[in-house]
Amino acid sequence: MATRVEWAERVERWERSGLSAEKFARREGYKPKQLYWWRWKLRAEGSSQPSPSSSTEGPRFLPVHVVADTSAVATEPIEIALPNGRVVRVRPGFDPATLERVLLLAAEETPC
């Protein structure tokens, strides 16, 4: 028969595992009810650390360094075919404001 210390270790391993009581207990060879009961018992006695989800601490954040995604950078010109039959070729590194003006002019029905 497992001791109180062994059950405290089991409950701690279960909480760290992220598994449901059913999956964890089945894997370890005992019943989920036993896990629930021992977790309740240990917490009632104040001898088990609360699980991270029930902690009173706020969420913990890790620093993140955002880098530009260079995988989608075009190295070849692109072509934009307009409904009026005109085609605009755009090279990498274009100016978006200029492209917008060119597209507006090219989309007009009147000849340039």
PDB file of N, CA and C in Angstrom:
ATOM      1  N   MET A   1       0.835  -1.175   0.000  1.00  0.00           N
ATOM      2  CA  MET A   1       0.000   0.000   0.000  1.00  0.00           C
ATOM      3  C   MET A   1       0.885   1.246   0.000  1.00  0.00           C
ATOM      4  N   ALA A   2       0.543   2.214  -0.860  1.00  0.00           N
ATOM      5  CA  ALA A   2       1.346   3.420  -1.012  1.00  0.00           C
ATOM      6  C   ALA A   2       1.213   4.330   0.202  1.00  0.00           C
ATOM      7  N   THR A   3       2.304   4.995   0.519  1.00  0.00           N
ATOM      8  CA  THR A   3       2.300   5.921   1.651  1.00  0.00           C
ATOM      9  C   THR A   3       1.777   7.294   1.218  1.00  0.00           C
ATOM     10  N   ARG A   4       1.568   8.118   2.215  1.00  0.00           N
ATOM     11  CA  ARG A   4       1.105   9.480   1.964  1.00  0.00           C
ATOM     12  C   ARG A   4       2.111  10.228   1.086  1.00  0.00           C
ATOM     13  N   VAL A   5       3.396  10.048   1.344  1.00  0.00           N
ATOM     14  CA  VAL A   5       4.449  10.709   0.563  1.00  0.00           C
ATOM     15  C   VAL A   5       4.407  10.232  -0.887  1.00  0.00           C
ATOM     16  N   GLU A   6       4.219   8.928  -1.074  1.00  0.00           N
ATOM     17  CA  GLU A   6       4.133   8.393  -2.438  1.00  0.00           C
ATOM     18  C   GLU A   6       2.940   8.982  -3.185  1.00  0.00           C
ATOM     19  N   TRP A   7       1.806   9.119  -2.492  1.00  0.00           N
ATOM     20  CA  TRP A   7       0.628   9.700  -3.140  1.00  0.00           C
ATOM     21  C   TRP A   7       0.841  11.174  -3.451  1.00  0.00           C
ATOM     22  N   ALA A   8       1.536  11.877  -2.574  1.00  0.00           N
ATOM     23  CA  ALA A   8       1.836  13.286  -2.848  1.00  0.00           C
ATOM     24  C   ALA A   8       2.685  13.396  -4.113  1.00  0.00           C
ATOM     25  N   GLU A   9       3.648  12.495  -4.266  1.00  0.00           N
ATOM     26  CA  GLU A   9       4.484  12.491  -5.472  1.00  0.00           C
ATOM     27  C   GLU A   9       3.659  12.127  -6.707  1.00  0.00           C
ATOM     28  N   ARG A  10       2.761  11.165  -6.567  1.00  0.00           N
ATOM     29  CA  ARG A  10       1.904  10.772  -7.693  1.00  0.00           C
ATOM     30  C   ARG A  10       1.015  11.932  -8.140  1.00  0.00           C
ATOM     31  N   VAL A  11       0.405  12.594  -7.159  1.00  0.00           N
ATOM     32  CA  VAL A  11      -0.474  13.726  -7.485  1.00  0.00           C
ATOM     33  C   VAL A  11       0.327  14.824  -8.178  1.00  0.00           C
ATOM     34  N   GLU A  12       1.517  15.080  -7.683  1.00  0.00           N
ATOM     35  CA  GLU A  12       2.364  16.107  -8.300  1.00  0.00           C
ATOM     36  C   GLU A  12       2.732  15.721  -9.734  1.00  0.00           C
ATOM     37  N   ARG A  13       3.107  14.469  -9.967  1.00  0.00           N
ATOM     38  CA  ARG A  13       3.431  14.002 -11.329  1.00  0.00           C
ATOM     39  C   ARG A  13       2.219  14.115 -12.239  1.00  0.00           C
ATOM     40  N   TRP A  14       1.046  13.764 -11.718  1.00  0.00           N
ATOM     41  CA  TRP A  14      -0.196  13.857 -12.503  1.00  0.00           C
ATOM     42  C   TRP A  14      -0.450  15.303 -12.921  1.00  0.00           C
ATOM     43  N   GLU A  15      -0.355  16.232 -11.972  1.00  0.00           N
ATOM     44  CA  GLU A  15      -0.623  17.637 -12.283  1.00  0.00           C
ATOM     45  C   GLU A  15       0.386  18.194 -13.284  1.00  0.00           C
ATOM     46  N   ARG A  16       1.639  17.771 -13.170  1.00  0.00           N
ATOM     47  CA  ARG A  16       2.656  18.231 -14.124  1.00  0.00           C
ATOM     48  C   ARG A  16       2.470  17.611 -15.494  1.00  0.00           C
ATOM     49  N   SER A  17       1.887  16.422 -15.551  1.00  0.00           N
ATOM     50  CA  SER A  17       1.758  15.703 -16.824  1.00  0.00           C
ATOM     51  C   SER A  17       0.797  16.369 -17.789  1.00  0.00           C
ATOM     52  N   GLY A  18      -0.198  17.066 -17.259  1.00  0.00           N
ATOM     53  CA  GLY A  18      -1.211  17.661 -18.125  1.00  0.00           C
ATOM     54  C   GLY A  18      -2.246  16.659 -18.612  1.00  0.00           C
ATOM     55  N   LEU A  19      -2.140  15.409 -18.183  1.00  0.00           N
ATOM     56  CA  LEU A  19      -3.090  14.373 -18.587  1.00  0.00           C
ATOM     57  C   LEU A  19      -4.334  14.421 -17.712  1.00  0.00           C
ATOM     58  N   SER A  20      -5.405  13.853 -18.227  1.00  0.00           N
ATOM     59  CA  SER A  20      -6.601  13.707 -17.397  1.00  0.00           C
ATOM     60  C   SER A  20      -6.300  12.664 -16.321  1.00  0.00           C
ATOM     61  N   ALA A  21      -7.102  12.688 -15.267  1.00  0.00           N
ATOM     62  CA  ALA A  21      -6.917  11.705 -14.196  1.00  0.00           C
ATOM     63  C   ALA A  21      -7.077  10.294 -14.740  1.00  0.00           C
ATOM     64  N   GLU A  22      -8.030  10.120 -15.652  1.00  0.00           N
ATOM     65  CA  GLU A  22      -8.286   8.796 -16.218  1.00  0.00           C
ATOM     66  C   GLU A  22      -7.063   8.269 -16.972  1.00  0.00           C
ATOM     67  N   LYS A  23      -6.501   9.103 -17.842  1.00  0.00           N
ATOM     68  CA  LYS A  23      -5.342   8.653 -18.633  1.00  0.00           C
ATOM     69  C   LYS A  23      -4.129   8.415 -17.751  1.00  0.00           C
ATOM     70  N   PHE A  24      -3.878   9.341 -16.832  1.00  0.00           N
ATOM     71  CA  PHE A  24      -2.717   9.204 -15.963  1.00  0.00           C
ATOM     72  C   PHE A  24      -2.841   7.970 -15.078  1.00  0.00           C
ATOM     73  N   ALA A  25      -4.002   7.784 -14.461  1.00  0.00           N
ATOM     74  CA  ALA A  25      -4.201   6.639 -13.568  1.00  0.00           C
ATOM     75  C   ALA A  25      -4.082   5.322 -14.327  1.00  0.00           C
ATOM     76  N   ARG A  26      -4.671   5.262 -15.513  1.00  0.00           N
ATOM     77  CA  ARG A  26      -4.591   4.037 -16.315  1.00  0.00           C
ATOM     78  C   ARG A  26      -3.127   3.714 -16.631  1.00  0.00           C
ATOM     79  N   ARG A  27      -2.364   4.748 -16.995  1.00  0.00           N
ATOM     80  CA  ARG A  27      -0.958   4.554 -17.329  1.00  0.00           C
ATOM     81  C   ARG A  27      -0.156   4.072 -16.122  1.00  0.00           C
ATOM     82  N   GLU A  28      -0.502   4.582 -14.931  1.00  0.00           N
ATOM     83  CA  GLU A  28       0.246   4.251 -13.719  1.00  0.00           C
ATOM     84  C   GLU A  28      -0.273   3.006 -13.004  1.00  0.00           C
ATOM     85  N   GLY A  29      -1.488   2.573 -13.341  1.00  0.00           N
ATOM     86  CA  GLY A  29      -2.011   1.346 -12.752  1.00  0.00           C
ATOM     87  C   GLY A  29      -2.868   1.522 -11.515  1.00  0.00           C
ATOM     88  N   TYR A  30      -3.535   2.648 -11.371  1.00  0.00           N
ATOM     89  CA  TYR A  30      -4.485   2.805 -10.279  1.00  0.00           C
ATOM     90  C   TYR A  30      -5.706   3.563 -10.761  1.00  0.00           C
ATOM     91  N   LYS A  31      -6.652   3.824  -9.846  1.00  0.00           N
ATOM     92  CA  LYS A  31      -7.946   4.391 -10.233  1.00  0.00           C
ATOM     93  C   LYS A  31      -7.929   5.922 -10.171  1.00  0.00           C
ATOM     94  N   PRO A  32      -8.639   6.568 -11.106  1.00  0.00           N
ATOM     95  CA  PRO A  32      -8.718   8.029 -11.095  1.00  0.00           C
ATOM     96  C   PRO A  32      -9.280   8.574  -9.787  1.00  0.00           C
ATOM     97  N   LYS A  33     -10.236   7.854  -9.195  1.00  0.00           N
ATOM     98  CA  LYS A  33     -10.827   8.308  -7.928  1.00  0.00           C
ATOM     99  C   LYS A  33      -9.756   8.465  -6.852  1.00  0.00           C
ATOM    100  N   GLN A  34      -8.759   7.574  -6.899  1.00  0.00           N
ATOM    101  CA  GLN A  34      -7.689   7.669  -5.913  1.00  0.00           C
ATOM    102  C   GLN A  34      -6.912   8.975  -6.085  1.00  0.00           C
ATOM    103  N   LEU A  35      -6.636   9.357  -7.321  1.00  0.00           N
ATOM    104  CA  LEU A  35      -5.928  10.618  -7.571  1.00  0.00           C
ATOM    105  C   LEU A  35      -6.723  11.808  -7.049  1.00  0.00           C
ATOM    106  N   TYR A  36      -7.998  11.834  -7.401  1.00  0.00           N
ATOM    107  CA  TYR A  36      -8.843  12.945  -6.957  1.00  0.00           C
ATOM    108  C   TYR A  36      -8.902  13.022  -5.432  1.00  0.00           C
ATOM    109  N   TRP A  37      -9.083  11.866  -4.809  1.00  0.00           N
ATOM    110  CA  TRP A  37      -9.197  11.850  -3.359  1.00  0.00           C
ATOM    111  C   TRP A  37      -7.903  12.330  -2.714  1.00  0.00           C
ATOM    112  N   TRP A  38      -6.755  11.824  -3.163  1.00  0.00           N
ATOM    113  CA  TRP A  38      -5.486  12.217  -2.564  1.00  0.00           C
ATOM    114  C   TRP A  38      -5.163  13.683  -2.839  1.00  0.00           C
ATOM    115  N   ARG A  39      -5.521  14.177  -4.003  1.00  0.00           N
ATOM    116  CA  ARG A  39      -5.299  15.602  -4.267  1.00  0.00           C
ATOM    117  C   ARG A  39      -6.121  16.434  -3.276  1.00  0.00           C
ATOM    118  N   TRP A  40      -7.385  16.048  -3.096  1.00  0.00           N
ATOM    119  CA  TRP A  40      -8.246  16.754  -2.143  1.00  0.00           C
ATOM    120  C   TRP A  40      -7.665  16.674  -0.726  1.00  0.00           C
ATOM    121  N   LYS A  41      -7.275  15.480  -0.325  1.00  0.00           N
ATOM    122  CA  LYS A  41      -6.755  15.240   1.026  1.00  0.00           C
ATOM    123  C   LYS A  41      -5.489  16.057   1.278  1.00  0.00           C
ATOM    124  N   LEU A  42      -4.569  16.034   0.328  1.00  0.00           N
ATOM    125  CA  LEU A  42      -3.306  16.748   0.503  1.00  0.00           C
ATOM    126  C   LEU A  42      -3.517  18.261   0.530  1.00  0.00           C
ATOM    127  N   ARG A  43      -4.408  18.743  -0.295  1.00  0.00           N
ATOM    128  CA  ARG A  43      -4.692  20.186  -0.297  1.00  0.00           C
ATOM    129  C   ARG A  43      -5.405  20.604   0.985  1.00  0.00           C
ATOM    130  N   ALA A  44      -6.304  19.754   1.458  1.00  0.00           N
ATOM    131  CA  ALA A  44      -7.023  20.060   2.699  1.00  0.00           C
ATOM    132  C   ALA A  44      -6.049  20.176   3.865  1.00  0.00           C
ATOM    133  N   GLU A  45      -4.995  19.378   3.814  1.00  0.00           N
ATOM    134  CA  GLU A  45      -3.979  19.420   4.868  1.00  0.00           C
ATOM    135  C   GLU A  45      -2.940  20.504   4.601  1.00  0.00           C
ATOM    136  N   GLY A  46      -2.995  21.093   3.419  1.00  0.00           N
ATOM    137  CA  GLY A  46      -2.037  22.141   3.081  1.00  0.00           C
ATOM    138  C   GLY A  46      -0.651  21.624   2.797  1.00  0.00           C
ATOM    139  N   SER A  47      -0.544  20.358   2.424  1.00  0.00           N
ATOM    140  CA  SER A  47       0.779  19.783   2.219  1.00  0.00           C
ATOM    141  C   SER A  47       1.112  19.536   0.759  1.00  0.00           C
ATOM    142  N   SER A  48       0.284  20.007  -0.132  1.00  0.00           N
ATOM    143  CA  SER A  48       0.575  19.833  -1.551  1.00  0.00           C
ATOM    144  C   SER A  48       0.496  21.190  -2.223  1.00  0.00           C
ATOM    145  N   GLN A  49       1.397  21.439  -3.132  1.00  0.00           N
ATOM    146  CA  GLN A  49       1.383  22.690  -3.874  1.00  0.00           C
ATOM    147  C   GLN A  49       0.167  22.722  -4.779  1.00  0.00           C
ATOM    148  N   PRO A  50      -0.490  23.866  -4.900  1.00  0.00           N
ATOM    149  CA  PRO A  50      -1.612  23.942  -5.831  1.00  0.00           C
ATOM    150  C   PRO A  50      -1.121  23.801  -7.261  1.00  0.00           C
ATOM    151  N   SER A  51      -1.974  23.279  -8.093  1.00  0.00           N
ATOM    152  CA  SER A  51      -1.598  23.139  -9.497  1.00  0.00           C
ATOM    153  C   SER A  51      -1.490  24.522 -10.107  1.00  0.00           C
ATOM    154  N   PRO A  52      -0.709  24.669 -11.190  1.00  0.00           N
ATOM    155  CA  PRO A  52      -0.545  25.975 -11.808  1.00  0.00           C
ATOM    156  C   PRO A  52      -1.867  26.623 -12.186  1.00  0.00           C
ATOM    157  N   SER A  53      -2.866  25.837 -12.589  1.00  0.00           N
ATOM    158  CA  SER A  53      -4.131  26.422 -13.013  1.00  0.00           C
ATOM    159  C   SER A  53      -4.923  26.994 -11.848  1.00  0.00           C
ATOM    160  N   SER A  54      -4.652  26.527 -10.627  1.00  0.00           N
ATOM    161  CA  SER A  54      -5.396  27.045  -9.488  1.00  0.00           C
ATOM    162  C   SER A  54      -4.559  27.999  -8.647  1.00  0.00           C
ATOM    163  N   SER A  55      -3.394  28.328  -9.122  1.00  0.00           N
ATOM    164  CA  SER A  55      -2.505  29.216  -8.394  1.00  0.00           C
ATOM    165  C   SER A  55      -3.072  30.627  -8.342  1.00  0.00           C
ATOM    166  N   THR A  56      -2.749  31.344  -7.265  1.00  0.00           N
ATOM    167  CA  THR A  56      -3.202  32.725  -7.150  1.00  0.00           C
ATOM    168  C   THR A  56      -2.256  33.684  -7.853  1.00  0.00           C
ATOM    169  N   GLU A  57      -1.121  33.194  -8.317  1.00  0.00           N
ATOM    170  CA  GLU A  57      -0.199  34.040  -9.066  1.00  0.00           C
ATOM    171  C   GLU A  57      -0.827  34.396 -10.404  1.00  0.00           C
ATOM    172  N   GLY A  58      -0.409  35.525 -10.920  1.00  0.00           N
ATOM    173  CA  GLY A  58      -0.861  35.901 -12.255  1.00  0.00           C
ATOM    174  C   GLY A  58      -0.155  35.053 -13.296  1.00  0.00           C
ATOM    175  N   PRO A  59      -0.525  35.205 -14.531  1.00  0.00           N
ATOM    176  CA  PRO A  59       0.124  34.425 -15.579  1.00  0.00           C
ATOM    177  C   PRO A  59       1.586  34.827 -15.717  1.00  0.00           C
ATOM    178  N   ARG A  60       2.389  33.892 -16.120  1.00  0.00           N
ATOM    179  CA  ARG A  60       3.806  34.165 -16.346  1.00  0.00           C
ATOM    180  C   ARG A  60       4.025  34.345 -17.837  1.00  0.00           C
ATOM    181  N   PHE A  61       4.820  35.331 -18.189  1.00  0.00           N
ATOM    182  CA  PHE A  61       5.106  35.596 -19.590  1.00  0.00           C
ATOM    183  C   PHE A  61       6.599  35.490 -19.830  1.00  0.00           C
ATOM    184  N   LEU A  62       6.948  35.029 -20.991  1.00  0.00           N
ATOM    185  CA  LEU A  62       8.340  34.957 -21.395  1.00  0.00           C
ATOM    186  C   LEU A  62       8.600  36.046 -22.421  1.00  0.00           C
ATOM    187  N   PRO A  63       9.816  36.589 -22.446  1.00  0.00           N
ATOM    188  CA  PRO A  63      10.104  37.604 -23.458  1.00  0.00           C
ATOM    189  C   PRO A  63      10.091  36.978 -24.852  1.00  0.00           C
ATOM    190  N   VAL A  64       9.606  37.744 -25.798  1.00  0.00           N
ATOM    191  CA  VAL A  64       9.521  37.272 -27.180  1.00  0.00           C
ATOM    192  C   VAL A  64      10.222  38.272 -28.073  1.00  0.00           C
ATOM    193  N   HIS A  65      11.020  37.783 -28.983  1.00  0.00           N
ATOM    194  CA  HIS A  65      11.689  38.639 -29.956  1.00  0.00           C
ATOM    195  C   HIS A  65      11.061  38.355 -31.311  1.00  0.00           C
ATOM    196  N   VAL A  66      10.396  39.352 -31.870  1.00  0.00           N
ATOM    197  CA  VAL A  66       9.705  39.184 -33.144  1.00  0.00           C
ATOM    198  C   VAL A  66      10.659  39.547 -34.269  1.00  0.00           C
ATOM    199  N   VAL A  67      10.754  38.650 -35.242  1.00  0.00           N
ATOM    200  CA  VAL A  67      11.587  38.921 -36.414  1.00  0.00           C
ATOM    201  C   VAL A  67      10.707  38.925 -37.651  1.00  0.00           C
ATOM    202  N   ALA A  68      11.138  39.666 -38.637  1.00  0.00           N
ATOM    203  CA  ALA A  68      10.374  39.735 -39.881  1.00  0.00           C
ATOM    204  C   ALA A  68      10.419  38.389 -40.587  1.00  0.00           C
ATOM    205  N   ASP A  69       9.310  38.026 -41.191  1.00  0.00           N
ATOM    206  CA  ASP A  69       9.228  36.784 -41.958  1.00  0.00           C
ATOM    207  C   ASP A  69       9.782  37.054 -43.345  1.00  0.00           C
ATOM    208  N   THR A  70      10.960  36.515 -43.608  1.00  0.00           N
ATOM    209  CA  THR A  70      11.588  36.749 -44.908  1.00  0.00           C
ATOM    210  C   THR A  70      11.297  35.630 -45.894  1.00  0.00           C
ATOM    211  N   SER A  71      10.561  34.629 -45.468  1.00  0.00           N
ATOM    212  CA  SER A  71      10.294  33.501 -46.356  1.00  0.00           C
ATOM    213  C   SER A  71       9.367  33.879 -47.497  1.00  0.00           C
ATOM    214  N   ALA A  72       8.564  34.944 -47.319  1.00  0.00           N
ATOM    215  CA  ALA A  72       7.596  35.309 -48.348  1.00  0.00           C
ATOM    216  C   ALA A  72       8.068  36.491 -49.201  1.00  0.00           C
ATOM    217  N   VAL A  73       9.329  36.892 -49.056  1.00  0.00           N
ATOM    218  CA  VAL A  73       9.835  38.020 -49.823  1.00  0.00           C
ATOM    219  C   VAL A  73      10.020  37.590 -51.273  1.00  0.00           C
ATOM    220  N   ALA A  74       9.423  38.361 -52.162  1.00  0.00           N
ATOM    221  CA  ALA A  74       9.512  38.036 -53.589  1.00  0.00           C
ATOM    222  C   ALA A  74      10.887  38.421 -54.119  1.00  0.00           C
ATOM    223  N   THR A  75      11.460  37.561 -54.932  1.00  0.00           N
ATOM    224  CA  THR A  75      12.725  37.875 -55.591  1.00  0.00           C
ATOM    225  C   THR A  75      12.515  38.106 -57.078  1.00  0.00           C
ATOM    226  N   GLU A  76      11.364  37.750 -57.571  1.00  0.00           N
ATOM    227  CA  GLU A  76      11.007  37.942 -58.979  1.00  0.00           C
ATOM    228  C   GLU A  76       9.913  38.992 -59.066  1.00  0.00           C
ATOM    229  N   PRO A  77       9.829  39.682 -60.186  1.00  0.00           N
ATOM    230  CA  PRO A  77       8.722  40.632 -60.360  1.00  0.00           C
ATOM    231  C   PRO A  77       7.385  39.897 -60.372  1.00  0.00           C
ATOM    232  N   ILE A  78       6.333  40.604 -59.962  1.00  0.00           N
ATOM    233  CA  ILE A  78       4.992  40.032 -60.054  1.00  0.00           C
ATOM    234  C   ILE A  78       4.224  40.797 -61.115  1.00  0.00           C
ATOM    235  N   GLU A  79       3.234  40.147 -61.696  1.00  0.00           N
ATOM    236  CA  GLU A  79       2.394  40.785 -62.704  1.00  0.00           C
ATOM    237  C   GLU A  79       0.975  40.865 -62.189  1.00  0.00           C
ATOM    238  N   ILE A  80       0.375  42.029 -62.380  1.00  0.00           N
ATOM    239  CA  ILE A  80      -1.015  42.227 -61.979  1.00  0.00           C
ATOM    240  C   ILE A  80      -1.803  42.476 -63.254  1.00  0.00           C
ATOM    241  N   ALA A  81      -2.670  41.525 -63.600  1.00  0.00           N
ATOM    242  CA  ALA A  81      -3.498  41.649 -64.801  1.00  0.00           C
ATOM    243  C   ALA A  81      -4.817  42.293 -64.414  1.00  0.00           C
ATOM    244  N   LEU A  82      -5.115  43.421 -65.027  1.00  0.00           N
ATOM    245  CA  LEU A  82      -6.344  44.157 -64.735  1.00  0.00           C
ATOM    246  C   LEU A  82      -7.452  43.720 -65.682  1.00  0.00           C
ATOM    247  N   PRO A  83      -8.710  43.882 -65.285  1.00  0.00           N
ATOM    248  CA  PRO A  83      -9.837  43.457 -66.126  1.00  0.00           C
ATOM    249  C   PRO A  83      -9.867  44.131 -67.504  1.00  0.00           C
ATOM    250  N   ASN A  84      -9.283  45.316 -67.618  1.00  0.00           N
ATOM    251  CA  ASN A  84      -9.293  46.010 -68.907  1.00  0.00           C
ATOM    252  C   ASN A  84      -8.185  45.541 -69.842  1.00  0.00           C
ATOM    253  N   GLY A  85      -7.442  44.510 -69.442  1.00  0.00           N
ATOM    254  CA  GLY A  85      -6.404  43.950 -70.296  1.00  0.00           C
ATOM    255  C   GLY A  85      -5.010  44.481 -70.016  1.00  0.00           C
ATOM    256  N   ARG A  86      -4.896  45.523 -69.264  1.00  0.00           N
ATOM    257  CA  ARG A  86      -3.576  46.071 -68.945  1.00  0.00           C
ATOM    258  C   ARG A  86      -2.883  45.193 -67.900  1.00  0.00           C
ATOM    259  N   VAL A  87      -1.560  45.170 -67.994  1.00  0.00           N
ATOM    260  CA  VAL A  87      -0.749  44.382 -67.062  1.00  0.00           C
ATOM    261  C   VAL A  87       0.264  45.317 -66.408  1.00  0.00           C
ATOM    262  N   VAL A  88       0.347  45.257 -65.102  1.00  0.00           N
ATOM    263  CA  VAL A  88       1.324  46.052 -64.360  1.00  0.00           C
ATOM    264  C   VAL A  88       2.351  45.087 -63.785  1.00  0.00           C
ATOM    265  N   ARG A  89       3.625  45.328 -64.098  1.00  0.00           N
ATOM    266  CA  ARG A  89       4.717  44.505 -63.573  1.00  0.00           C
ATOM    267  C   ARG A  89       5.358  45.254 -62.408  1.00  0.00           C
ATOM    268  N   VAL A  90       5.504  44.554 -61.291  1.00  0.00           N
ATOM    269  CA  VAL A  90       6.024  45.171 -60.067  1.00  0.00           C
ATOM    270  C   VAL A  90       7.278  44.419 -59.637  1.00  0.00           C
ATOM    271  N   ARG A  91       8.350  45.160 -59.459  1.00  0.00           N
ATOM    272  CA  ARG A  91       9.613  44.549 -59.028  1.00  0.00           C
ATOM    273  C   ARG A  91       9.712  44.567 -57.498  1.00  0.00           C
ATOM    274  N   PRO A  92      10.536  43.685 -56.946  1.00  0.00           N
ATOM    275  CA  PRO A  92      10.731  43.682 -55.488  1.00  0.00           C
ATOM    276  C   PRO A  92      11.224  45.052 -55.009  1.00  0.00           C
ATOM    277  N   GLY A  93      10.775  45.449 -53.840  1.00  0.00           N
ATOM    278  CA  GLY A  93      11.194  46.711 -53.253  1.00  0.00           C
ATOM    279  C   GLY A  93      10.382  47.901 -53.728  1.00  0.00           C
ATOM    280  N   PHE A  94       9.221  47.657 -54.334  1.00  0.00           N
ATOM    281  CA  PHE A  94       8.386  48.744 -54.854  1.00  0.00           C
ATOM    282  C   PHE A  94       7.861  49.625 -53.728  1.00  0.00           C
ATOM    283  N   ASP A  95       7.455  50.831 -54.100  1.00  0.00           N
ATOM    284  CA  ASP A  95       6.840  51.767 -53.162  1.00  0.00           C
ATOM    285  C   ASP A  95       5.332  51.551 -53.201  1.00  0.00           C
ATOM    286  N   PRO A  96       4.709  51.140 -52.101  1.00  0.00           N
ATOM    287  CA  PRO A  96       3.271  50.848 -52.099  1.00  0.00           C
ATOM    288  C   PRO A  96       2.400  52.033 -52.526  1.00  0.00           C
ATOM    289  N   ALA A  97       2.763  53.244 -52.127  1.00  0.00           N
ATOM    290  CA  ALA A  97       1.955  54.415 -52.500  1.00  0.00           C
ATOM    291  C   ALA A  97       1.998  54.640 -54.008  1.00  0.00           C
ATOM    292  N   THR A  98       3.170  54.487 -54.600  1.00  0.00           N
ATOM    293  CA  THR A  98       3.296  54.651 -56.050  1.00  0.00           C
ATOM    294  C   THR A  98       2.524  53.560 -56.775  1.00  0.00           C
ATOM    295  N   LEU A  99       2.615  52.333 -56.298  1.00  0.00           N
ATOM    296  CA  LEU A  99       1.883  51.234 -56.926  1.00  0.00           C
ATOM    297  C   LEU A  99       0.383  51.506 -56.893  1.00  0.00           C
ATOM    298  N   GLU A 100      -0.103  52.014 -55.786  1.00  0.00           N
ATOM    299  CA  GLU A 100      -1.532  52.310 -55.683  1.00  0.00           C
ATOM    300  C   GLU A 100      -1.952  53.325 -56.748  1.00  0.00           C
ATOM    301  N   ARG A 101      -1.161  54.387 -56.936  1.00  0.00           N
ATOM    302  CA  ARG A 101      -1.487  55.399 -57.951  1.00  0.00           C
ATOM    303  C   ARG A 101      -1.430  54.811 -59.354  1.00  0.00           C
ATOM    304  N   VAL A 102      -0.410  53.977 -59.613  1.00  0.00           N
ATOM    305  CA  VAL A 102      -0.278  53.350 -60.935  1.00  0.00           C
ATOM    306  C   VAL A 102      -1.475  52.450 -61.216  1.00  0.00           C
ATOM    307  N   LEU A 103      -1.897  51.664 -60.232  1.00  0.00           N
ATOM    308  CA  LEU A 103      -3.036  50.765 -60.434  1.00  0.00           C
ATOM    309  C   LEU A 103      -4.322  51.547 -60.689  1.00  0.00           C
ATOM    310  N   LEU A 104      -4.509  52.650 -59.992  1.00  0.00           N
ATOM    311  CA  LEU A 104      -5.699  53.475 -60.225  1.00  0.00           C
ATOM    312  C   LEU A 104      -5.711  54.029 -61.650  1.00  0.00           C
ATOM    313  N   LEU A 105      -4.561  54.500 -62.107  1.00  0.00           N
ATOM    314  CA  LEU A 105      -4.472  55.030 -63.472  1.00  0.00           C
ATOM    315  C   LEU A 105      -4.649  53.925 -64.506  1.00  0.00           C
ATOM    316  N   ALA A 106      -4.012  52.786 -64.273  1.00  0.00           N
ATOM    317  CA  ALA A 106      -4.080  51.681 -65.241  1.00  0.00           C
ATOM    318  C   ALA A 106      -5.471  51.080 -65.308  1.00  0.00           C
ATOM    319  N   ALA A 107      -6.231  51.176 -64.232  1.00  0.00           N
ATOM    320  CA  ALA A 107      -7.574  50.601 -64.210  1.00  0.00           C
ATOM    321  C   ALA A 107      -8.585  51.466 -64.950  1.00  0.00           C
ATOM    322  N   GLU A 108      -8.236  52.724 -65.232  1.00  0.00           N
ATOM    323  CA  GLU A 108      -9.162  53.599 -65.948  1.00  0.00           C
ATOM    324  C   GLU A 108      -9.389  53.072 -67.359  1.00  0.00           C
ATOM    325  N   GLU A 109     -10.567  53.281 -67.857  1.00  0.00           N
ATOM    326  CA  GLU A 109     -10.928  52.798 -69.196  1.00  0.00           C
ATOM    327  C   GLU A 109     -10.343  53.663 -70.305  1.00  0.00           C
ATOM    328  N   THR A 110     -10.039  54.908 -69.997  1.00  0.00           N
ATOM    329  CA  THR A 110      -9.505  55.785 -71.039  1.00  0.00           C
ATOM    330  C   THR A 110      -8.047  55.459 -71.288  1.00  0.00           C
ATOM    331  N   PRO A 111      -7.576  55.601 -72.515  1.00  0.00           N
ATOM    332  CA  PRO A 111      -6.168  55.308 -72.804  1.00  0.00           C
ATOM    333  C   PRO A 111      -5.248  56.283 -72.076  1.00  0.00           C
ATOM    334  N   CYS A 112      -4.106  55.812 -71.725  1.00  0.00           N
ATOM    335  CA  CYS A 112      -3.131  56.646 -71.011  1.00  0.00           C
ATOM    336  C   CYS A 112      -2.503  57.664 -71.937  1.00  0.00           C
TER     337      CYS A 112
END
